[in-house]
């Protein structure tokens, strides 16, 4: 309470906690794991999906929504099936893994951290409620980890 009062006295319009965003980040990570697990399981026989081959590298799937077609083209298949899935809220760990173990990259979760979830939600909510352009809304976090600065610069 004292910290929130201090920040408001300095000029902050809103002061929030990241615990709710941490719950959302955890749910997103769990959903990603379930999707990866389901994709990695052997499938029972099913009728082949109708495809229209436009070229060797470009196919259209008439029975799929456009967003699903785009996702199947943009992300490689191993992004959905790489298990075990590695996850961490520490951006320093993610950076270390990317630099020293590039083969682990497909295994790293793509879910946003609590800091990123809160920043996205606040920008959308504040901009929608006040008709403010997103560039004029600033999201500041106070955390004990120095690497969170790295995470915000990469997002």
N, C-alpha and C. Protein backbone atom coordinates (compact mmCIF):
# COMPACT_ATOMS: atom_id res chain seq x y z
N UNK A 1 0.81 -1.18 0.00
CA UNK A 1 0.00 0.00 0.00
C UNK A 1 0.86 1.26 0.00
N UNK A 2 1.90 1.24 0.80
CA UNK A 2 2.76 2.41 0.85
C UNK A 2 3.49 2.62 -0.48
N UNK A 3 3.90 1.53 -1.10
CA UNK A 3 4.58 1.64 -2.38
C UNK A 3 3.63 2.18 -3.45
N UNK A 4 2.40 1.68 -3.47
CA UNK A 4 1.41 2.17 -4.44
C UNK A 4 1.14 3.65 -4.23
N UNK A 5 1.00 4.08 -2.98
CA UNK A 5 0.77 5.50 -2.69
C UNK A 5 1.96 6.34 -3.14
N UNK A 6 3.15 5.82 -2.93
CA UNK A 6 4.36 6.53 -3.34
C UNK A 6 4.40 6.69 -4.86
N UNK A 7 4.06 5.61 -5.59
CA UNK A 7 4.08 5.67 -7.04
C UNK A 7 3.02 6.61 -7.60
N UNK A 8 1.85 6.63 -6.98
CA UNK A 8 0.80 7.57 -7.39
C UNK A 8 1.25 9.01 -7.13
N UNK A 9 1.92 9.23 -6.00
CA UNK A 9 2.44 10.57 -5.70
C UNK A 9 3.49 11.00 -6.73
N UNK A 10 4.19 10.04 -7.32
CA UNK A 10 5.18 10.36 -8.36
C UNK A 10 4.53 10.62 -9.72
N UNK A 11 3.24 10.29 -9.85
CA UNK A 11 2.55 10.56 -11.10
C UNK A 11 1.97 9.36 -11.81
N UNK A 12 2.07 8.18 -11.23
CA UNK A 12 1.49 6.99 -11.86
C UNK A 12 -0.03 7.09 -11.85
N UNK A 13 -0.64 6.71 -12.97
CA UNK A 13 -2.10 6.74 -13.06
C UNK A 13 -2.70 5.48 -12.47
N UNK A 14 -2.11 4.33 -12.78
CA UNK A 14 -2.58 3.04 -12.27
C UNK A 14 -1.40 2.30 -11.65
N UNK A 15 -1.66 1.59 -10.56
CA UNK A 15 -0.67 0.71 -9.95
C UNK A 15 -1.33 -0.65 -9.81
N UNK A 16 -0.73 -1.66 -10.40
CA UNK A 16 -1.30 -3.01 -10.38
C UNK A 16 -0.26 -4.01 -9.89
N UNK A 17 -0.72 -5.23 -9.69
CA UNK A 17 0.12 -6.33 -9.26
C UNK A 17 0.18 -7.35 -10.39
N UNK A 18 1.27 -8.08 -10.53
CA UNK A 18 1.39 -9.05 -11.62
C UNK A 18 0.84 -10.43 -11.27
N UNK A 19 0.28 -10.61 -10.08
CA UNK A 19 -0.17 -11.96 -9.70
C UNK A 19 -1.28 -12.47 -10.62
N UNK A 20 -2.20 -11.63 -11.02
CA UNK A 20 -3.25 -12.05 -11.95
C UNK A 20 -2.68 -12.39 -13.31
N UNK A 21 -1.72 -11.59 -13.75
CA UNK A 21 -1.07 -11.86 -15.04
C UNK A 21 -0.25 -13.15 -14.97
N UNK A 22 0.32 -13.45 -13.80
CA UNK A 22 1.07 -14.70 -13.64
C UNK A 22 0.13 -15.90 -13.80
N UNK A 23 -1.08 -15.78 -13.30
CA UNK A 23 -2.06 -16.86 -13.47
C UNK A 23 -2.41 -17.06 -14.94
N UNK A 24 -2.58 -15.95 -15.67
CA UNK A 24 -2.89 -16.03 -17.10
C UNK A 24 -1.72 -16.65 -17.85
N UNK A 25 -0.50 -16.23 -17.52
CA UNK A 25 0.70 -16.79 -18.17
C UNK A 25 0.79 -18.29 -17.91
N UNK A 26 0.48 -18.71 -16.70
CA UNK A 26 0.51 -20.14 -16.38
C UNK A 26 -0.54 -20.91 -17.18
N UNK A 27 -1.73 -20.34 -17.33
CA UNK A 27 -2.77 -20.99 -18.13
C UNK A 27 -2.35 -21.10 -19.59
N UNK A 28 -1.71 -20.06 -20.12
CA UNK A 28 -1.23 -20.09 -21.50
C UNK A 28 -0.15 -21.16 -21.69
N UNK A 29 0.73 -21.26 -20.71
CA UNK A 29 1.79 -22.27 -20.78
C UNK A 29 1.18 -23.68 -20.73
N UNK A 30 0.20 -23.87 -19.87
CA UNK A 30 -0.47 -25.17 -19.78
C UNK A 30 -1.17 -25.51 -21.09
N UNK A 31 -1.84 -24.53 -21.69
CA UNK A 31 -2.53 -24.76 -22.97
C UNK A 31 -1.54 -25.12 -24.07
N UNK A 32 -0.38 -24.45 -24.06
CA UNK A 32 0.64 -24.78 -25.06
C UNK A 32 1.16 -26.20 -24.85
N UNK A 33 1.38 -26.59 -23.60
CA UNK A 33 1.84 -27.96 -23.33
C UNK A 33 0.82 -28.99 -23.81
N UNK A 34 -0.45 -28.76 -23.51
CA UNK A 34 -1.49 -29.70 -23.92
C UNK A 34 -1.52 -29.81 -25.44
N UNK A 35 -1.39 -28.67 -26.14
CA UNK A 35 -1.38 -28.70 -27.61
C UNK A 35 -0.18 -29.48 -28.13
N UNK A 36 0.99 -29.26 -27.54
CA UNK A 36 2.19 -30.00 -27.96
C UNK A 36 2.02 -31.50 -27.68
N UNK A 37 1.49 -31.82 -26.52
CA UNK A 37 1.31 -33.23 -26.16
C UNK A 37 0.36 -33.91 -27.13
N UNK A 38 -0.75 -33.26 -27.43
CA UNK A 38 -1.72 -33.85 -28.35
C UNK A 38 -1.13 -34.01 -29.75
N UNK A 39 -0.33 -33.04 -30.19
CA UNK A 39 0.28 -33.13 -31.51
C UNK A 39 1.31 -34.25 -31.58
N UNK A 40 1.93 -34.57 -30.45
CA UNK A 40 2.97 -35.60 -30.45
C UNK A 40 2.43 -37.01 -30.38
N UNK A 41 1.15 -37.15 -30.05
CA UNK A 41 0.56 -38.48 -29.91
C UNK A 41 0.26 -39.07 -31.28
N UNK A 42 0.46 -40.39 -31.43
CA UNK A 42 0.13 -41.02 -32.71
C UNK A 42 -1.37 -40.90 -32.97
N UNK A 43 -1.68 -40.63 -34.20
CA UNK A 43 -3.10 -40.46 -34.55
C UNK A 43 -3.67 -41.78 -35.07
N UNK A 44 -4.94 -41.96 -34.79
CA UNK A 44 -5.63 -43.11 -35.37
C UNK A 44 -5.93 -42.78 -36.83
N UNK A 45 -6.18 -43.79 -37.61
CA UNK A 45 -6.42 -43.59 -39.02
C UNK A 45 -7.61 -42.67 -39.21
N UNK A 46 -7.47 -41.76 -40.15
CA UNK A 46 -8.57 -40.88 -40.53
C UNK A 46 -8.47 -40.64 -42.03
N UNK A 47 -9.55 -40.23 -42.61
CA UNK A 47 -9.54 -39.92 -44.04
C UNK A 47 -8.56 -38.77 -44.29
N UNK A 48 -7.80 -38.81 -45.37
CA UNK A 48 -6.85 -37.74 -45.62
C UNK A 48 -7.57 -36.41 -45.82
N UNK A 49 -6.93 -35.37 -45.39
CA UNK A 49 -7.49 -34.04 -45.51
C UNK A 49 -7.40 -33.58 -46.96
N UNK A 50 -8.45 -32.91 -47.45
CA UNK A 50 -8.42 -32.38 -48.81
C UNK A 50 -7.42 -31.24 -48.88
N UNK A 51 -6.54 -31.29 -49.87
CA UNK A 51 -5.61 -30.19 -50.08
C UNK A 51 -5.62 -29.81 -51.54
N UNK A 52 -5.32 -28.59 -51.81
CA UNK A 52 -5.15 -28.12 -53.17
C UNK A 52 -3.71 -27.64 -53.25
N UNK A 53 -2.87 -28.39 -53.96
CA UNK A 53 -1.46 -28.02 -54.05
C UNK A 53 -1.30 -26.89 -55.05
N UNK A 54 -0.89 -25.74 -54.57
CA UNK A 54 -0.64 -24.59 -55.43
C UNK A 54 0.77 -24.71 -56.01
N UNK A 55 1.70 -25.13 -55.18
CA UNK A 55 3.06 -25.43 -55.62
C UNK A 55 3.62 -26.44 -54.62
N UNK A 56 4.88 -26.78 -54.80
CA UNK A 56 5.47 -27.77 -53.88
C UNK A 56 5.56 -27.24 -52.46
N UNK A 57 5.68 -25.92 -52.31
CA UNK A 57 5.83 -25.35 -50.96
C UNK A 57 4.60 -24.60 -50.50
N UNK A 58 3.60 -24.44 -51.33
CA UNK A 58 2.42 -23.66 -50.96
C UNK A 58 1.17 -24.51 -51.18
N UNK A 59 0.46 -24.80 -50.12
CA UNK A 59 -0.76 -25.59 -50.22
C UNK A 59 -1.90 -24.81 -49.57
N UNK A 60 -3.09 -25.00 -50.11
CA UNK A 60 -4.28 -24.43 -49.50
C UNK A 60 -5.10 -25.58 -48.94
N UNK A 61 -5.73 -25.32 -47.80
CA UNK A 61 -6.57 -26.33 -47.16
C UNK A 61 -8.00 -25.78 -47.15
N UNK A 62 -8.83 -26.21 -48.11
CA UNK A 62 -10.17 -25.62 -48.23
C UNK A 62 -11.04 -25.81 -47.00
N UNK A 63 -10.81 -26.86 -46.22
CA UNK A 63 -11.67 -27.13 -45.07
C UNK A 63 -11.20 -26.42 -43.80
N UNK A 64 -10.09 -25.69 -43.85
CA UNK A 64 -9.56 -25.01 -42.67
C UNK A 64 -9.85 -23.52 -42.72
N UNK A 65 -10.08 -22.89 -41.58
CA UNK A 65 -10.21 -21.43 -41.56
C UNK A 65 -8.90 -20.78 -41.99
N UNK A 66 -8.97 -19.56 -42.50
CA UNK A 66 -7.78 -18.86 -43.02
C UNK A 66 -6.71 -18.69 -41.95
N UNK A 67 -7.10 -18.41 -40.70
CA UNK A 67 -6.12 -18.20 -39.63
C UNK A 67 -5.35 -19.49 -39.36
N UNK A 68 -6.03 -20.62 -39.42
CA UNK A 68 -5.37 -21.90 -39.18
C UNK A 68 -4.42 -22.24 -40.34
N UNK A 69 -4.81 -21.87 -41.57
CA UNK A 69 -3.93 -22.09 -42.71
C UNK A 69 -2.65 -21.28 -42.55
N UNK A 70 -2.79 -20.03 -42.13
CA UNK A 70 -1.63 -19.17 -41.96
C UNK A 70 -0.72 -19.72 -40.87
N UNK A 71 -1.29 -20.18 -39.76
CA UNK A 71 -0.49 -20.72 -38.66
C UNK A 71 0.27 -21.96 -39.11
N UNK A 72 -0.33 -22.78 -39.96
CA UNK A 72 0.35 -23.99 -40.42
C UNK A 72 1.51 -23.66 -41.35
N UNK A 73 1.48 -22.51 -41.99
CA UNK A 73 2.56 -22.10 -42.88
C UNK A 73 3.66 -21.39 -42.11
N UNK A 74 3.27 -20.53 -41.15
CA UNK A 74 4.23 -19.68 -40.46
C UNK A 74 5.09 -20.45 -39.47
N UNK A 75 4.50 -21.33 -38.67
CA UNK A 75 5.25 -22.04 -37.63
C UNK A 75 5.62 -23.43 -38.09
N UNK A 76 6.86 -23.84 -37.89
CA UNK A 76 7.24 -25.19 -38.27
C UNK A 76 6.56 -26.23 -37.39
N UNK A 77 6.40 -27.42 -37.93
CA UNK A 77 5.70 -28.48 -37.21
C UNK A 77 6.35 -28.82 -35.88
N UNK A 78 7.69 -28.78 -35.81
CA UNK A 78 8.35 -29.15 -34.55
C UNK A 78 8.01 -28.18 -33.42
N UNK A 79 7.53 -26.97 -33.75
CA UNK A 79 7.14 -26.04 -32.70
C UNK A 79 5.91 -26.56 -31.94
N UNK A 80 5.14 -27.42 -32.57
CA UNK A 80 3.96 -27.97 -31.91
C UNK A 80 4.22 -29.31 -31.24
N UNK A 81 5.29 -29.98 -31.61
CA UNK A 81 5.49 -31.33 -31.11
C UNK A 81 6.73 -31.50 -30.24
N UNK A 82 7.58 -30.48 -30.13
CA UNK A 82 8.83 -30.63 -29.39
C UNK A 82 8.56 -30.83 -27.90
N UNK A 83 8.89 -32.01 -27.44
CA UNK A 83 8.76 -32.34 -26.02
C UNK A 83 10.11 -32.86 -25.54
N UNK A 84 10.50 -32.64 -24.33
CA UNK A 84 9.79 -31.93 -23.29
C UNK A 84 9.75 -30.43 -23.58
N UNK A 85 8.75 -29.78 -23.04
CA UNK A 85 8.63 -28.34 -23.20
C UNK A 85 9.35 -27.67 -22.04
N UNK A 86 10.24 -26.76 -22.36
CA UNK A 86 11.00 -26.04 -21.33
C UNK A 86 10.38 -24.66 -21.14
N UNK A 87 10.23 -24.25 -19.91
CA UNK A 87 9.65 -22.94 -19.65
C UNK A 87 10.32 -22.30 -18.45
N UNK A 88 10.42 -20.99 -18.50
CA UNK A 88 11.01 -20.24 -17.39
C UNK A 88 10.53 -18.80 -17.47
N UNK A 89 10.30 -18.20 -16.32
CA UNK A 89 9.95 -16.79 -16.27
C UNK A 89 11.20 -15.92 -16.27
N UNK A 90 12.35 -16.55 -16.29
CA UNK A 90 13.62 -15.83 -16.24
C UNK A 90 14.14 -15.58 -17.65
N UNK A 91 14.15 -14.34 -18.12
CA UNK A 91 14.65 -14.07 -19.47
C UNK A 91 16.14 -14.34 -19.60
N UNK A 92 16.88 -14.28 -18.51
CA UNK A 92 18.30 -14.62 -18.55
C UNK A 92 18.51 -16.08 -18.90
N UNK A 93 17.67 -16.96 -18.36
CA UNK A 93 17.76 -18.38 -18.66
C UNK A 93 17.44 -18.62 -20.14
N UNK A 94 16.41 -17.95 -20.64
CA UNK A 94 16.03 -18.12 -22.04
C UNK A 94 17.17 -17.66 -22.96
N UNK A 95 17.76 -16.53 -22.66
CA UNK A 95 18.88 -16.01 -23.45
C UNK A 95 20.07 -16.98 -23.39
N UNK A 96 20.37 -17.50 -22.22
CA UNK A 96 21.45 -18.47 -22.05
C UNK A 96 21.19 -19.72 -22.88
N UNK A 97 19.97 -20.22 -22.83
CA UNK A 97 19.63 -21.43 -23.59
C UNK A 97 19.75 -21.17 -25.09
N UNK A 98 19.31 -20.01 -25.55
CA UNK A 98 19.40 -19.68 -26.97
C UNK A 98 20.86 -19.61 -27.44
N UNK A 99 21.72 -19.06 -26.61
CA UNK A 99 23.12 -18.87 -27.01
C UNK A 99 23.96 -20.13 -26.86
N UNK A 100 23.72 -20.91 -25.81
CA UNK A 100 24.60 -22.06 -25.55
C UNK A 100 24.02 -23.39 -26.03
N UNK A 101 22.71 -23.49 -26.14
CA UNK A 101 22.07 -24.73 -26.57
C UNK A 101 21.02 -24.44 -27.65
N UNK A 102 21.43 -24.06 -28.85
CA UNK A 102 20.45 -23.71 -29.88
C UNK A 102 19.50 -24.86 -30.22
N UNK A 103 19.92 -26.09 -29.97
CA UNK A 103 19.02 -27.22 -30.25
C UNK A 103 17.83 -27.26 -29.29
N UNK A 104 17.90 -26.49 -28.20
CA UNK A 104 16.79 -26.46 -27.25
C UNK A 104 15.70 -25.46 -27.63
N UNK A 105 15.95 -24.63 -28.62
CA UNK A 105 15.00 -23.57 -28.98
C UNK A 105 13.60 -24.11 -29.31
N UNK A 106 13.44 -25.18 -30.09
CA UNK A 106 12.08 -25.68 -30.34
C UNK A 106 11.36 -26.15 -29.08
N UNK A 107 12.11 -26.45 -28.03
CA UNK A 107 11.51 -26.94 -26.78
C UNK A 107 11.08 -25.81 -25.85
N UNK A 108 11.55 -24.59 -26.09
CA UNK A 108 11.23 -23.47 -25.19
C UNK A 108 9.81 -22.99 -25.45
N UNK A 109 9.07 -22.79 -24.40
CA UNK A 109 7.68 -22.33 -24.50
C UNK A 109 7.62 -20.96 -25.15
N UNK A 110 6.58 -20.76 -25.95
CA UNK A 110 6.39 -19.46 -26.61
C UNK A 110 5.40 -18.58 -25.84
N UNK A 111 4.90 -19.05 -24.71
CA UNK A 111 3.94 -18.28 -23.92
C UNK A 111 4.60 -17.03 -23.34
N UNK A 112 3.84 -15.96 -23.23
CA UNK A 112 4.36 -14.71 -22.66
C UNK A 112 4.55 -14.84 -21.16
N UNK A 113 5.48 -14.07 -20.63
CA UNK A 113 5.69 -14.03 -19.18
C UNK A 113 4.60 -13.15 -18.55
N UNK A 114 4.54 -13.17 -17.23
CA UNK A 114 3.55 -12.35 -16.52
C UNK A 114 3.74 -10.86 -16.84
N UNK A 115 4.97 -10.42 -16.94
CA UNK A 115 5.26 -9.02 -17.27
C UNK A 115 4.70 -8.67 -18.66
N UNK A 116 4.90 -9.55 -19.63
CA UNK A 116 4.40 -9.29 -20.98
C UNK A 116 2.88 -9.37 -21.05
N UNK A 117 2.29 -10.32 -20.33
CA UNK A 117 0.82 -10.45 -20.31
C UNK A 117 0.20 -9.19 -19.73
N UNK A 118 0.74 -8.72 -18.60
CA UNK A 118 0.19 -7.53 -17.96
C UNK A 118 0.37 -6.30 -18.85
N UNK A 119 1.52 -6.16 -19.47
CA UNK A 119 1.75 -5.02 -20.35
C UNK A 119 0.79 -5.00 -21.53
N UNK A 120 0.58 -6.16 -22.13
CA UNK A 120 -0.35 -6.26 -23.26
C UNK A 120 -1.78 -5.94 -22.82
N UNK A 121 -2.20 -6.53 -21.71
CA UNK A 121 -3.57 -6.30 -21.22
C UNK A 121 -3.79 -4.84 -20.84
N UNK A 122 -2.82 -4.25 -20.15
CA UNK A 122 -2.97 -2.85 -19.75
C UNK A 122 -3.03 -1.92 -20.95
N UNK A 123 -2.15 -2.14 -21.91
CA UNK A 123 -2.16 -1.27 -23.09
C UNK A 123 -3.49 -1.39 -23.82
N UNK A 124 -3.99 -2.60 -23.98
CA UNK A 124 -5.26 -2.77 -24.68
C UNK A 124 -6.41 -2.16 -23.90
N UNK A 125 -6.45 -2.39 -22.59
CA UNK A 125 -7.56 -1.89 -21.77
C UNK A 125 -7.53 -0.36 -21.68
N UNK A 126 -6.36 0.18 -21.39
CA UNK A 126 -6.25 1.64 -21.23
C UNK A 126 -6.53 2.34 -22.55
N UNK A 127 -5.98 1.83 -23.63
CA UNK A 127 -6.18 2.46 -24.94
C UNK A 127 -7.64 2.39 -25.37
N UNK A 128 -8.29 1.27 -25.09
CA UNK A 128 -9.70 1.13 -25.45
C UNK A 128 -10.59 2.03 -24.60
N UNK A 129 -10.28 2.14 -23.31
CA UNK A 129 -11.12 2.92 -22.40
C UNK A 129 -10.94 4.42 -22.57
N UNK A 130 -9.75 4.85 -22.95
CA UNK A 130 -9.47 6.30 -22.99
C UNK A 130 -9.19 6.82 -24.39
N UNK A 131 -9.30 5.99 -25.41
CA UNK A 131 -8.97 6.38 -26.79
C UNK A 131 -7.58 6.99 -26.89
N UNK A 132 -6.67 6.43 -26.15
CA UNK A 132 -5.29 6.90 -26.13
C UNK A 132 -4.47 6.05 -27.09
N UNK A 133 -3.58 6.65 -27.87
CA UNK A 133 -2.74 5.82 -28.73
C UNK A 133 -1.79 4.95 -27.90
N UNK A 134 -1.55 3.71 -28.31
CA UNK A 134 -0.70 2.81 -27.52
C UNK A 134 0.71 3.36 -27.26
N UNK A 135 1.24 4.15 -28.16
CA UNK A 135 2.60 4.68 -27.98
C UNK A 135 2.70 5.64 -26.79
N UNK A 136 1.58 6.18 -26.34
CA UNK A 136 1.63 7.12 -25.22
C UNK A 136 1.34 6.47 -23.87
N UNK A 137 1.12 5.15 -23.86
CA UNK A 137 0.89 4.42 -22.62
C UNK A 137 2.19 3.71 -22.24
N UNK A 138 2.65 3.91 -21.02
CA UNK A 138 3.89 3.30 -20.56
C UNK A 138 3.60 2.32 -19.43
N UNK A 139 4.20 1.15 -19.54
CA UNK A 139 4.04 0.09 -18.55
C UNK A 139 5.39 -0.07 -17.86
N UNK A 140 5.44 0.22 -16.58
CA UNK A 140 6.68 0.15 -15.81
C UNK A 140 6.54 -0.95 -14.77
N UNK A 141 7.54 -1.81 -14.68
CA UNK A 141 7.52 -2.86 -13.67
C UNK A 141 8.70 -2.68 -12.73
N UNK A 142 8.45 -3.02 -11.48
CA UNK A 142 9.50 -2.99 -10.47
C UNK A 142 9.68 -4.43 -10.00
N UNK A 143 10.82 -5.01 -10.39
CA UNK A 143 11.08 -6.41 -10.09
C UNK A 143 12.53 -6.57 -9.65
N UNK A 144 12.82 -7.60 -8.88
CA UNK A 144 14.19 -7.77 -8.40
C UNK A 144 15.16 -8.30 -9.44
N UNK A 145 14.67 -8.76 -10.58
CA UNK A 145 15.52 -9.40 -11.58
C UNK A 145 15.97 -8.38 -12.62
N UNK A 146 17.27 -8.23 -12.78
CA UNK A 146 17.82 -7.29 -13.76
C UNK A 146 17.51 -7.73 -15.19
N UNK A 147 17.38 -9.02 -15.43
CA UNK A 147 17.15 -9.53 -16.78
C UNK A 147 15.75 -9.21 -17.29
N UNK A 148 14.84 -8.77 -16.45
CA UNK A 148 13.52 -8.37 -16.93
C UNK A 148 13.65 -7.19 -17.88
N UNK A 149 14.69 -6.39 -17.70
CA UNK A 149 14.97 -5.28 -18.60
C UNK A 149 15.27 -5.84 -20.00
N UNK A 150 16.03 -6.92 -20.05
CA UNK A 150 16.34 -7.60 -21.31
C UNK A 150 15.05 -8.10 -21.97
N UNK A 151 14.17 -8.68 -21.16
CA UNK A 151 12.91 -9.21 -21.69
C UNK A 151 12.07 -8.11 -22.31
N UNK A 152 11.96 -6.97 -21.66
CA UNK A 152 11.13 -5.90 -22.20
C UNK A 152 11.73 -5.32 -23.48
N UNK A 153 13.03 -5.35 -23.61
CA UNK A 153 13.65 -4.83 -24.83
C UNK A 153 13.50 -5.78 -26.01
N UNK A 154 13.27 -7.07 -25.73
CA UNK A 154 13.12 -8.06 -26.80
C UNK A 154 11.69 -8.20 -27.27
N UNK A 155 10.73 -7.76 -26.47
CA UNK A 155 9.31 -7.99 -26.80
C UNK A 155 8.81 -7.14 -27.91
